[in-house]
Amino acid sequence: MSATDEEPTRAGAPGPGLETGLRSRITLAVVLVTLVLSVVLGVLTVTITQQTLVNQREESVSSRAVGNAAVVDAALGSSTDTQAVLSSLSDAGKPSIVTSGADGRPVSVSVDQRFGFDVLPRQLKDQVVELRNPALMRFELENQTLVAVGVPLTAPQSGYFEVYRLDDITSGLRSLIVALALATFLTTVAAGVLGYWASGLTLRPLSRISEAAEAVAVGQLDTRIDERDYASDRDLAPLARNFNAMVDALQERIDRDARFASDVSHELRSPLTTLNAGIHVLQNNRDEMPERAQHALDLLAADVDRFTQLVEDLLEISRFDAGAVRYEPEEVAIIPLVRATVSNLGYPELTVDADPELDDLVISCDKRRLVRILANYLHNADRYADGPTNVWIERHDPDPFNPFDELTVRVGVEDSGPGVPLDERERIFDRFNRGDQGGSRGADIGVGLGLALAAEHAALQGGRVWVGDRTDGGEGACFVVELPYIELDEDEPEGDLAAATPEAASALTLTGEHQAVPVTDPTGGPP
């Protein structure tokens, strides 16, 4: 039995999409910068290391190949077996010799045929054998990186070659890449943690300003920021000064407007009292008047009543604006309170639905203000929906997955009127908002302050109000007030509950069928 489908989104609650705050964006920026720098440094480290190791290896094998080539060149003139000469070379890679045979064709001898003369790059062989220039070349063979060194020999069309594998360098570079990747990950994580911590320190002044702005938003206009805390900060000092200046200007304007409304309302009460007294005298002699004069008197009485209600509501609103209202909480049994209020306002036939388990439900609230909220809801249904059809009470348990949810009690007043359009459900609680009948003038049309006052009364008690669809899905609207509550002390006698029922509700003065003079008429708009 709730109108939770139509509740307004609570301020600060997570929205349907993924949204990041300023602190998260700062942390993300630090993480991204650290990640990019770590990757760039890692790539540079691997590239420079690879280049250095390969260059050192090439220099080493080049000088070694030149020395071995001299040994081989000297041995070719003797009767020594070429294969034996190659096998006797110390510190050689995979040596090969190519010479010109008796028929003029090249003859090659290799210690290891996998790395023999035939697999060498054509460009290297031409450079050494044909052009007679020593050369070094790096190439790929069967997914292996090799470096080959060629030295021309004394005999024509001959050369000495050595092939070296770079597997050890490749393996070392892989280990270096893994180490750098791990270091990059750890550095990025550490940067994220430090960035989150540092951003918290950086944004702490903004958090204080945000808290001050939130306090101002709920009406604490005496909230100020201590400018001395930011005197040495050339970026935040102007922000603190401008914030205080803004609040000063806002408070001055609100005070001025509140004084104006209060003064005007007070000045109007005296002539209104005279007008009401005069109308009362005329109504006592109504039967002696012609029919046209009687009709004019009825119109005048209706407009004066409406004007009187407007003045009373303006006085109440001005007290809220001026901060002259007092919150007087007390523990009350909510179900007896609501039932007595409904009955004493002239709705004895209207049922109040509540779970029997909630009979002992006690909330901490300002009883008088809760009665006024309910009275405004009931009269609002009278004006625009042919009267209320149902009143219900429920306890709202907090959602364990929503940290912003809390334990509350809700009271709803339903009607069978035309309902409130979705685009009007928030604005209907604004001042002087009467929905689709905002431009109408009639005896049964309010001035547009009743629901606004209901919202003010609820906010003063830490609660809220909203309008939604009926709980049974029928045509009409459901006006809800939600207030925090406390459970009844088990040691407290049951008889104390009766003492918590609303004497104030029974003391309301009723005029007409369902109109209570001391209670503000709701005029927020047709539900």
Protein backbone atom coordinates (compact mmCIF):
# COMPACT_ATOMS: atom_id res chain seq x y z
CA MET A 1 0.00 0.00 0.00
CA SER A 2 2.37 2.69 -1.20
CA ALA A 3 3.01 5.10 -4.01
CA THR A 4 6.65 4.25 -4.31
CA ASP A 5 6.43 4.08 -8.09
CA GLU A 6 5.84 7.80 -8.17
CA GLU A 7 8.39 8.90 -5.57
CA PRO A 8 10.73 11.67 -6.59
CA THR A 9 14.39 10.71 -6.85
CA ARG A 10 16.13 11.40 -3.56
CA ALA A 11 18.91 13.96 -3.86
CA GLY A 12 22.29 12.32 -4.01
CA ALA A 13 20.97 8.87 -4.83
CA PRO A 14 22.71 7.02 -7.65
CA GLY A 15 21.01 7.55 -10.97
CA PRO A 16 20.23 4.92 -13.61
CA GLY A 17 23.47 5.55 -15.45
CA LEU A 18 27.09 5.36 -14.35
CA GLU A 19 28.13 8.79 -13.19
CA THR A 20 31.52 9.81 -11.80
CA GLY A 21 32.19 12.60 -9.37
CA LEU A 22 34.96 15.15 -9.45
CA ARG A 23 37.10 13.11 -7.07
CA SER A 24 36.70 10.04 -9.27
CA ARG A 25 37.60 12.02 -12.38
CA ILE A 26 40.73 13.40 -10.72
CA THR A 27 41.72 9.91 -9.62
CA LEU A 28 41.04 8.56 -13.10
CA ALA A 29 43.15 11.32 -14.65
CA VAL A 30 46.05 10.51 -12.31
CA VAL A 31 45.73 6.81 -13.13
CA LEU A 32 45.66 7.46 -16.88
CA VAL A 33 48.64 9.82 -16.77
CA THR A 34 50.60 7.33 -14.67
CA LEU A 35 49.64 4.48 -16.99
CA VAL A 36 50.64 6.40 -20.12
CA LEU A 37 53.95 7.50 -18.61
CA SER A 38 54.69 3.97 -17.38
CA VAL A 39 53.92 2.49 -20.80
CA VAL A 40 56.05 5.10 -22.59
CA LEU A 41 58.94 4.60 -20.18
CA GLY A 42 58.58 0.83 -20.50
CA VAL A 43 58.66 0.96 -24.31
CA LEU A 44 61.67 3.26 -24.24
CA THR A 45 63.43 1.01 -21.74
CA VAL A 46 62.83 -2.12 -23.81
CA THR A 47 63.84 -0.39 -27.05
CA ILE A 48 67.04 1.12 -25.64
CA THR A 49 67.96 -2.13 -23.87
CA GLN A 50 67.39 -4.16 -27.00
CA GLN A 51 69.38 -1.77 -29.12
CA THR A 52 72.25 -1.69 -26.64
CA LEU A 53 72.46 -5.46 -26.21
CA VAL A 54 72.21 -6.15 -29.93
CA ASN A 55 74.82 -3.53 -30.77
CA GLN A 56 77.18 -4.94 -28.17
CA ARG A 57 76.62 -8.46 -29.50
CA GLU A 58 77.20 -7.33 -33.09
CA GLU A 59 80.44 -5.59 -32.18
CA SER A 60 81.62 -8.66 -30.30
CA VAL A 61 80.79 -11.16 -33.04
CA SER A 62 82.23 -8.88 -35.72
CA SER A 63 85.68 -8.71 -34.10
CA ARG A 64 85.54 -12.47 -33.38
CA ALA A 65 84.57 -13.29 -36.96
CA VAL A 66 87.44 -11.20 -38.35
CA GLY A 67 89.93 -13.13 -36.18
CA ASN A 68 88.49 -16.51 -37.15
CA ALA A 69 88.47 -15.51 -40.81
CA ALA A 70 92.25 -14.87 -40.63
CA VAL A 71 92.78 -18.35 -39.16
CA VAL A 72 90.64 -19.96 -41.86
CA ASP A 73 92.31 -17.96 -44.63
CA ALA A 74 95.75 -19.16 -43.49
CA ALA A 75 94.58 -22.78 -43.28
CA LEU A 76 93.10 -22.85 -46.78
CA GLY A 77 96.57 -22.74 -48.33
CA SER A 78 97.65 -25.92 -46.57
CA SER A 79 96.45 -29.43 -46.90
CA THR A 80 94.38 -29.15 -43.71
CA ASP A 81 90.82 -30.39 -44.05
CA THR A 82 88.47 -27.41 -44.23
CA GLN A 83 85.79 -29.08 -42.10
CA ALA A 84 88.36 -29.80 -39.41
CA VAL A 85 89.52 -26.18 -39.50
CA LEU A 86 86.03 -24.92 -38.99
CA SER A 87 85.44 -27.34 -36.14
CA SER A 88 88.63 -26.23 -34.41
CA LEU A 89 87.67 -22.57 -34.26
CA SER A 90 87.11 -21.32 -30.72
CA ASP A 91 84.22 -19.05 -29.70
CA ALA A 92 82.75 -19.26 -33.18
CA GLY A 93 79.08 -19.24 -33.93
CA LYS A 94 77.97 -21.37 -36.87
CA PRO A 95 80.93 -20.96 -39.32
CA SER A 96 80.69 -21.49 -43.06
CA ILE A 97 83.17 -21.15 -45.94
CA VAL A 98 82.37 -20.59 -49.57
CA THR A 99 85.09 -21.01 -52.25
CA SER A 100 85.21 -21.33 -56.02
CA GLY A 101 85.50 -24.94 -57.20
CA ALA A 102 87.53 -26.29 -60.13
CA ASP A 103 84.58 -25.80 -62.48
CA GLY A 104 84.10 -22.22 -61.27
CA ARG A 105 81.02 -23.02 -59.25
CA PRO A 106 80.90 -21.96 -55.56
CA VAL A 107 81.52 -24.70 -53.03
CA SER A 108 80.40 -24.22 -49.41
CA VAL A 109 81.39 -26.00 -46.25
CA SER A 110 79.34 -25.55 -43.06
CA VAL A 111 79.59 -26.95 -39.57
CA ASP A 112 75.79 -26.83 -39.21
CA GLN A 113 73.77 -27.05 -42.41
CA ARG A 114 70.76 -25.40 -40.74
CA PHE A 115 72.78 -22.19 -40.62
CA GLY A 116 74.96 -22.78 -43.67
CA PHE A 117 75.76 -20.67 -46.69
CA ASP A 118 72.49 -21.50 -48.42
CA VAL A 119 70.28 -19.87 -45.74
CA LEU A 120 72.22 -16.60 -45.66
CA PRO A 121 70.53 -13.53 -47.15
CA ARG A 122 71.40 -12.97 -50.78
CA GLN A 123 72.40 -9.38 -50.14
CA LEU A 124 74.96 -10.43 -47.53
CA LYS A 125 76.50 -13.07 -49.78
CA ASP A 126 76.82 -10.66 -52.71
CA GLN A 127 78.39 -8.02 -50.50
CA VAL A 128 81.09 -10.39 -49.23
CA VAL A 129 81.74 -12.75 -52.15
CA GLU A 130 81.13 -10.49 -55.13
CA LEU A 131 81.98 -7.03 -53.83
CA ARG A 132 84.68 -8.26 -51.43
CA ASN A 133 83.44 -6.15 -48.47
CA PRO A 134 83.02 -7.38 -44.91
CA ALA A 135 79.39 -7.08 -43.84
CA LEU A 136 77.02 -7.77 -40.96
CA MET A 137 73.31 -8.42 -41.29
CA ARG A 138 70.44 -9.28 -38.94
CA PHE A 139 67.69 -11.53 -40.32
CA GLU A 140 64.84 -13.86 -39.33
CA LEU A 141 64.90 -17.59 -39.89
CA GLU A 142 62.16 -19.92 -38.70
CA ASN A 143 60.96 -17.39 -36.09
CA GLN A 144 64.50 -16.91 -34.81
CA THR A 145 66.48 -13.68 -34.87
CA LEU A 146 69.97 -14.28 -36.22
CA VAL A 147 72.97 -12.10 -36.94
CA ALA A 148 75.41 -13.11 -39.70
CA VAL A 149 78.92 -11.74 -40.24
CA GLY A 150 80.74 -12.17 -43.53
CA VAL A 151 84.48 -11.58 -44.22
CA PRO A 152 86.00 -11.96 -47.69
CA LEU A 153 88.96 -14.40 -47.96
CA THR A 154 92.14 -14.10 -50.06
CA ALA A 155 91.03 -16.58 -52.67
CA PRO A 156 88.75 -15.21 -55.37
CA GLN A 157 85.02 -15.77 -54.97
CA SER A 158 85.47 -16.93 -51.39
CA GLY A 159 84.30 -15.78 -48.01
CA TYR A 160 84.00 -16.73 -44.40
CA PHE A 161 80.66 -16.44 -42.58
CA GLU A 162 79.56 -16.86 -39.01
CA VAL A 163 75.91 -17.02 -37.85
CA TYR A 164 74.96 -16.25 -34.23
CA ARG A 165 71.61 -16.77 -32.52
CA LEU A 166 70.13 -13.98 -30.39
CA ASP A 167 67.86 -16.24 -28.32
CA ASP A 168 69.44 -15.20 -25.04
CA ILE A 169 68.83 -11.52 -25.79
CA THR A 170 65.24 -12.25 -26.87
CA SER A 171 64.61 -14.26 -23.72
CA GLY A 172 66.09 -11.53 -21.56
CA LEU A 173 63.94 -8.92 -23.24
CA ARG A 174 60.82 -11.01 -22.62
CA SER A 175 61.67 -11.21 -18.93
CA LEU A 176 62.28 -7.46 -18.91
CA ILE A 177 58.91 -6.81 -20.58
CA VAL A 178 57.10 -8.97 -18.00
CA ALA A 179 58.86 -7.16 -15.16
CA LEU A 180 58.04 -3.76 -16.65
CA ALA A 181 54.39 -4.77 -17.20
CA LEU A 182 54.12 -5.85 -13.57
CA ALA A 183 55.82 -2.65 -12.44
CA THR A 184 53.41 -0.63 -14.62
CA PHE A 185 50.40 -2.37 -13.08
CA LEU A 186 51.64 -1.86 -9.52
CA THR A 187 52.58 1.75 -10.24
CA THR A 188 49.14 2.43 -11.75
CA VAL A 189 47.35 0.88 -8.77
CA ALA A 190 49.54 2.83 -6.35
CA ALA A 191 48.88 6.02 -8.34
CA GLY A 192 45.14 5.35 -8.14
CA VAL A 193 45.27 4.92 -4.36
CA LEU A 194 47.48 7.95 -3.85
CA GLY A 195 45.43 9.97 -6.35
CA TYR A 196 42.20 9.14 -4.51
CA TRP A 197 43.76 10.08 -1.19
CA ALA A 198 45.35 13.26 -2.53
CA SER A 199 42.17 14.29 -4.37
CA GLY A 200 40.29 13.95 -1.08
CA LEU A 201 42.67 16.43 0.52
CA THR A 202 42.45 18.70 -2.50
CA LEU A 203 38.66 18.65 -2.62
CA ARG A 204 38.13 18.95 1.12
CA PRO A 205 37.66 22.73 0.90
CA LEU A 206 35.09 22.20 -1.85
CA SER A 207 33.33 19.64 0.32
CA ARG A 208 33.08 22.22 3.09
CA ILE A 209 31.68 24.74 0.65
CA SER A 210 29.23 22.11 -0.64
CA GLU A 211 28.06 21.39 2.92
CA ALA A 212 27.61 25.10 3.50
CA ALA A 213 25.62 25.42 0.25
CA GLU A 214 23.45 22.47 1.28
CA ALA A 215 22.79 24.13 4.64
CA VAL A 216 21.79 27.34 2.86
CA ALA A 217 19.52 25.36 0.53
CA VAL A 218 17.52 23.97 3.47
CA GLY A 219 17.06 27.44 4.93
CA GLN A 220 20.06 27.94 7.25
CA LEU A 221 20.86 31.35 5.87
CA ASP A 222 23.23 32.17 8.71
CA THR A 223 25.73 29.66 7.32
CA ARG A 224 29.05 31.21 6.33
CA ILE A 225 32.51 30.01 5.33
CA ASP A 226 35.44 31.13 7.47
CA GLU A 227 37.49 33.09 4.98
CA ARG A 228 40.54 32.95 7.26
CA ASP A 229 40.93 29.25 6.46
CA TYR A 230 41.55 30.11 2.80
CA ALA A 231 43.30 33.46 3.11
CA SER A 232 46.59 32.01 1.86
CA ASP A 233 44.99 30.20 -1.09
CA ARG A 234 44.67 32.56 -4.03
CA ASP A 235 42.30 30.16 -5.83
CA LEU A 236 39.89 29.34 -3.00
CA ALA A 237 39.94 32.69 -1.18
CA PRO A 238 37.87 34.44 -3.89
CA LEU A 239 35.46 31.48 -3.94
CA ALA A 240 34.90 31.71 -0.18
CA ARG A 241 34.40 35.50 -0.35
CA ASN A 242 31.99 35.25 -3.27
CA PHE A 243 30.03 32.47 -1.55
CA ASN A 244 29.61 34.52 1.61
CA ALA A 245 28.68 37.58 -0.41
CA MET A 246 26.10 35.55 -2.33
CA VAL A 247 24.53 34.21 0.87
CA ASP A 248 24.50 37.71 2.38
CA ALA A 249 22.69 39.06 -0.67
CA LEU A 250 20.31 36.10 -0.66
CA GLN A 251 19.51 36.49 3.03
CA GLU A 252 18.99 40.22 2.64
CA ARG A 253 16.61 39.73 -0.27
CA ILE A 254 14.65 36.94 1.45
CA ASP A 255 14.41 38.96 4.64
CA ARG A 256 13.23 41.97 2.67
CA ASP A 257 10.62 39.95 0.79
CA ALA A 258 9.52 38.20 3.97
CA ARG A 259 9.16 41.50 5.80
CA PHE A 260 7.21 42.92 2.89
CA ALA A 261 4.82 39.94 2.76
CA SER A 262 4.45 39.94 6.52
CA ASP A 263 3.86 43.69 6.71
CA VAL A 264 1.35 43.63 3.87
CA SER A 265 -0.47 40.66 5.40
CA HIS A 266 -0.62 42.31 8.81
CA GLU A 267 -1.88 45.55 7.31
CA LEU A 268 -4.58 43.69 5.41
CA ARG A 269 -5.91 41.83 8.43
CA SER A 270 -7.60 44.88 9.96
CA PRO A 271 -9.61 45.88 6.88
CA LEU A 272 -10.39 42.22 6.25
CA THR A 273 -11.79 41.92 9.76
CA THR A 274 -13.97 44.93 9.08
CA LEU A 275 -15.07 43.50 5.74
CA ASN A 276 -15.93 40.15 7.31
CA ALA A 277 -17.92 41.87 10.05
CA GLY A 278 -19.78 43.94 7.46
CA ILE A 279 -20.52 40.90 5.32
CA HIS A 280 -21.78 39.08 8.38
CA VAL A 281 -24.22 41.94 9.09
CA LEU A 282 -25.37 41.91 5.47
CA GLN A 283 -25.86 38.14 5.52
CA ASN A 284 -28.07 38.47 8.62
CA ASN A 285 -30.37 40.72 6.54
CA ARG A 286 -30.00 38.72 3.34
CA ASP A 287 -33.68 37.83 3.11
CA GLU A 288 -34.61 41.48 2.90
CA MET A 289 -32.45 42.06 -0.18
CA PRO A 290 -33.52 41.63 -3.78
CA GLU A 291 -32.32 38.51 -5.58
CA ARG A 292 -29.65 40.37 -7.55
CA ALA A 293 -28.20 41.88 -4.37
CA GLN A 294 -28.20 38.46 -2.70
CA HIS A 295 -26.19 37.04 -5.60
CA ALA A 296 -23.71 39.92 -5.37
CA LEU A 297 -23.42 39.39 -1.61
CA ASP A 298 -22.63 35.69 -2.12
CA LEU A 299 -19.90 36.54 -4.61
CA LEU A 300 -18.48 39.16 -2.29
CA ALA A 301 -18.49 36.78 0.68
CA ALA A 302 -16.75 34.07 -1.33
CA ASP A 303 -14.03 36.46 -2.54
CA VAL A 304 -13.49 37.90 0.94
CA ASP A 305 -13.18 34.38 2.36
CA ARG A 306 -10.66 33.56 -0.33
CA PHE A 307 -8.78 36.79 0.34
CA THR A 308 -8.74 36.06 4.06
CA GLN A 309 -7.31 32.61 3.42
CA LEU A 310 -4.66 34.12 1.15
CA VAL A 311 -3.57 36.56 3.85
CA GLU A 312 -3.39 33.80 6.47
CA ASP A 313 -1.35 31.61 4.12
CA LEU A 314 0.98 34.47 3.24
CA LEU A 315 1.59 35.10 6.92
CA GLU A 316 2.43 31.43 7.41
CA ILE A 317 4.73 31.39 4.37
CA SER A 318 6.47 34.56 5.53
CA ARG A 319 7.17 32.94 8.89
CA PHE A 320 8.86 30.05 7.09
CA ASP A 321 10.89 32.44 4.93
CA ALA A 322 11.92 34.48 7.94
CA GLY A 323 12.93 31.37 9.89
CA ALA A 324 10.42 32.25 12.61
CA VAL A 325 8.84 28.79 12.76
CA ARG A 326 9.59 26.35 15.56
CA TYR A 327 9.79 22.60 15.35
CA GLU A 328 8.20 21.03 18.42
CA PRO A 329 8.63 17.24 18.18
CA GLU A 330 6.86 14.80 20.42
CA GLU A 331 6.12 11.09 20.38
CA VAL A 332 2.64 10.38 19.03
CA ALA A 333 0.76 7.24 18.07
CA ILE A 334 0.39 7.78 14.35
CA ILE A 335 -2.72 5.64 13.71
CA PRO A 336 -4.91 7.19 16.45
CA LEU A 337 -3.66 10.61 15.36
CA VAL A 338 -4.67 10.13 11.72
CA ARG A 339 -8.01 8.56 12.58
CA ALA A 340 -8.91 11.35 14.99
CA THR A 341 -7.86 13.97 12.46
CA VAL A 342 -9.96 12.43 9.68
CA SER A 343 -12.98 12.13 11.95
CA ASN A 344 -12.77 15.61 13.45
CA LEU A 345 -12.33 17.25 10.06
CA GLY A 346 -15.75 15.96 9.02
CA TYR A 347 -15.00 12.60 7.38
CA PRO A 348 -16.38 10.03 9.89
CA GLU A 349 -17.26 7.62 7.08
CA LEU A 350 -13.73 7.66 5.61
CA THR A 351 -11.73 4.55 6.54
CA VAL A 352 -8.06 4.64 7.52
CA ASP A 353 -6.29 1.50 6.30
CA ALA A 354 -3.30 0.28 8.30
CA ASP A 355 -1.65 -3.00 9.13
CA PRO A 356 -2.82 -4.15 12.60
CA GLU A 357 0.83 -4.74 13.46
CA LEU A 358 1.33 -0.97 13.29
CA ASP A 359 -1.21 -0.15 16.00
CA ASP A 360 1.62 0.60 18.42
CA LEU A 361 3.61 2.54 15.83
CA VAL A 362 5.00 5.76 17.34
CA ILE A 363 6.74 8.51 15.41
CA SER A 364 8.57 11.62 16.49
CA CYS A 365 6.95 14.59 14.80
CA ASP A 366 5.35 17.98 15.27
CA LYS A 367 1.76 16.85 15.83
CA ARG A 368 0.18 20.19 14.94
CA ARG A 369 2.00 20.40 11.61
CA LEU A 370 1.18 16.82 10.65
CA VAL A 371 -2.51 17.54 11.33
CA ARG A 372 -2.30 20.58 9.04
CA ILE A 373 -0.70 18.53 6.26
CA LEU A 374 -3.48 15.93 6.45
CA ALA A 375 -6.14 18.67 6.57
CA ASN A 376 -4.66 20.30 3.45
CA TYR A 377 -4.66 16.96 1.64
CA LEU A 378 -8.27 16.22 2.59
CA HIS A 379 -9.55 19.69 1.62
CA ASN A 380 -7.56 19.51 -1.60
CA ALA A 381 -9.44 16.32 -2.48
CA ASP A 382 -12.70 18.12 -1.61
CA ARG A 383 -11.95 21.03 -3.93
CA TYR A 384 -10.76 19.15 -6.99
CA ALA A 385 -11.80 15.47 -6.75
CA ASP A 386 -15.23 15.27 -5.05
CA GLY A 387 -13.67 14.32 -1.74
CA PRO A 388 -11.12 11.77 -0.50
CA THR A 389 -11.81 8.05 -1.05
CA ASN A 390 -9.18 6.40 1.13
CA VAL A 391 -6.49 7.14 3.72
CA TRP A 392 -3.72 4.65 4.43
CA ILE A 393 -0.72 4.37 6.73
CA GLU A 394 2.33 2.18 6.19
CA ARG A 395 5.83 1.70 7.48
CA HIS A 396 8.56 1.96 4.86
CA ASP A 397 11.54 -0.28 5.58
CA PRO A 398 14.85 0.89 4.09
CA ASP A 399 16.27 -0.77 1.00
CA PRO A 400 19.49 -2.58 2.08
CA PHE A 401 21.03 -1.79 -1.32
CA ASN A 402 20.28 1.94 -1.12
CA PRO A 403 22.39 3.78 1.49
CA PHE A 404 20.17 6.85 1.13
CA ASP A 405 17.00 5.00 2.11
CA GLU A 406 15.80 5.17 5.71
CA LEU A 407 13.10 3.89 8.03
CA THR A 408 10.01 6.08 7.69
CA VAL A 409 6.24 6.13 8.05
CA ARG A 410 4.00 7.21 5.20
CA VAL A 411 0.45 8.51 5.19
CA GLY A 412 -1.45 8.71 1.90
CA VAL A 413 -4.71 10.42 0.97
CA GLU A 414 -6.35 9.10 -2.20
CA ASP A 415 -9.14 10.51 -4.34
CA SER A 416 -11.01 9.57 -7.50
CA GLY A 417 -10.42 12.81 -9.41
CA PRO A 418 -8.75 13.31 -12.79
CA GLY A 419 -5.25 12.77 -11.32
CA VAL A 420 -2.14 14.90 -11.70
CA PRO A 421 -0.12 14.79 -14.97
CA LEU A 422 3.45 13.58 -14.64
CA ASP A 423 4.91 16.93 -15.68
CA GLU A 424 2.89 18.69 -12.94
CA ARG A 425 3.68 16.39 -10.00
CA GLU A 426 6.71 18.31 -8.79
CA ARG A 427 5.46 21.80 -9.61
CA ILE A 428 2.13 21.24 -7.87
CA PHE A 429 3.88 21.85 -4.53
CA ASP A 430 5.23 25.21 -5.71
CA ARG A 431 3.72 28.39 -4.35
CA PHE A 432 0.71 29.80 -6.22
CA ASN A 433 0.58 26.75 -8.47
CA ARG A 434 -2.97 25.58 -9.09
CA GLY A 435 -2.33 23.30 -12.06
CA ASP A 436 -4.75 23.53 -14.97
CA GLN A 437 -7.02 25.87 -12.98
CA GLY A 438 -4.32 28.44 -12.33
CA GLY A 439 -6.29 31.15 -14.11
CA SER A 440 -9.71 30.30 -12.68
CA ARG A 441 -11.54 32.32 -10.08
CA GLY A 442 -14.33 30.72 -8.16
CA ALA A 443 -15.60 30.04 -4.69
CA ASP A 444 -14.08 26.58 -4.58
CA ILE A 445 -10.71 27.45 -6.10
CA GLY A 446 -7.82 28.03 -3.68
CA VAL A 447 -4.99 30.51 -3.86
CA GLY A 448 -2.18 28.04 -4.51
CA LEU A 449 -0.40 27.95 -1.15
CA GLY A 450 -1.93 24.93 0.63
CA LEU A 451 0.30 22.25 -0.86
CA ALA A 452 3.31 24.54 -0.68
CA LEU A 453 2.68 24.90 3.06
CA ALA A 454 2.29 21.12 3.36
CA ALA A 455 5.73 20.71 1.80
CA GLU A 456 7.19 23.30 4.20
CA HIS A 457 5.62 21.57 7.23
CA ALA A 458 7.02 18.19 6.13
CA ALA A 459 10.51 19.52 5.36
CA LEU A 460 10.68 21.18 8.78
CA GLN A 461 10.26 17.72 10.34
CA GLY A 462 12.85 16.02 8.12
CA GLY A 463 10.18 14.55 5.86
CA ARG A 464 8.90 15.09 2.34
CA VAL A 465 5.73 15.07 0.27
CA TRP A 466 4.84 13.90 -3.21
CA VAL A 467 1.87 12.95 -5.36
CA GLY A 468 1.48 9.72 -7.31
CA ASP A 469 -1.08 7.29 -8.64
CA ARG A 470 -3.58 5.48 -6.47
CA THR A 471 -2.37 2.24 -4.91
CA ASP A 472 -5.21 0.22 -6.45
CA GLY A 473 -4.43 1.49 -9.95
CA GLY A 474 -7.75 3.31 -10.27
CA GLU A 475 -8.32 6.79 -11.64
CA GLY A 476 -7.28 9.55 -9.29
CA ALA A 477 -4.27 10.70 -7.28
CA CYS A 478 -2.53 9.79 -4.05
CA PHE A 479 -0.93 12.55 -1.96
CA VAL A 480 1.74 11.17 0.38
CA VAL A 481 3.60 12.59 3.36
CA GLU A 482 6.63 10.72 4.66
CA LEU A 483 8.20 11.33 8.08
CA PRO A 484 10.95 9.59 10.07
CA TYR A 485 9.70 7.52 13.01
CA ILE A 486 10.86 5.85 16.19
CA GLU A 487 9.54 2.62 17.68
CA LEU A 488 7.53 2.59 20.89
CA ASP A 489 9.55 1.98 24.04
CA GLU A 490 8.59 -1.48 25.31
CA ASP A 491 8.72 -0.24 28.92
CA GLU A 492 6.22 2.53 28.21
CA PRO A 493 2.65 1.71 29.39
CA GLU A 494 0.06 1.12 26.72
CA GLY A 495 -2.13 3.79 28.29
CA ASP A 496 0.32 6.45 27.17
CA LEU A 497 -0.78 5.90 23.59
CA ALA A 498 -4.16 7.42 24.28
CA ALA A 499 -2.42 10.49 25.63
CA ALA A 500 -0.62 10.84 22.32
CA THR A 501 -3.78 11.23 20.26
CA PRO A 502 -4.35 14.66 18.73
CA GLU A 503 -6.37 16.93 20.97
CA ALA A 504 -5.49 19.64 18.49
CA ALA A 505 -7.48 17.88 15.78
CA SER A 506 -10.62 17.72 17.90
CA ALA A 507 -10.28 21.41 18.70
CA LEU A 508 -10.50 22.47 15.04
CA THR A 509 -13.38 24.85 14.37
CA LEU A 510 -15.49 23.61 11.46
CA THR A 511 -17.44 25.95 9.22
CA GLY A 512 -19.50 24.54 6.40
CA GLU A 513 -19.42 20.86 5.55
CA HIS A 514 -15.69 20.11 5.46
CA GLN A 515 -13.84 23.40 5.98
CA ALA A 516 -11.72 24.08 9.08
CA VAL A 517 -10.87 27.72 9.56
CA PRO A 518 -7.62 27.22 11.55
CA VAL A 519 -6.25 24.82 8.94
CA THR A 520 -4.67 26.11 5.77
CA ASP A 521 -6.72 25.33 2.67
CA PRO A 522 -4.82 23.29 0.09
CA THR A 523 -4.58 25.00 -3.24
CA GLY A 524 -1.78 23.20 -4.93
CA GLY A 525 -3.86 22.25 -7.94
CA PRO A 526 -6.40 19.60 -8.94
CA PRO A 527 -5.11 16.12 -8.13
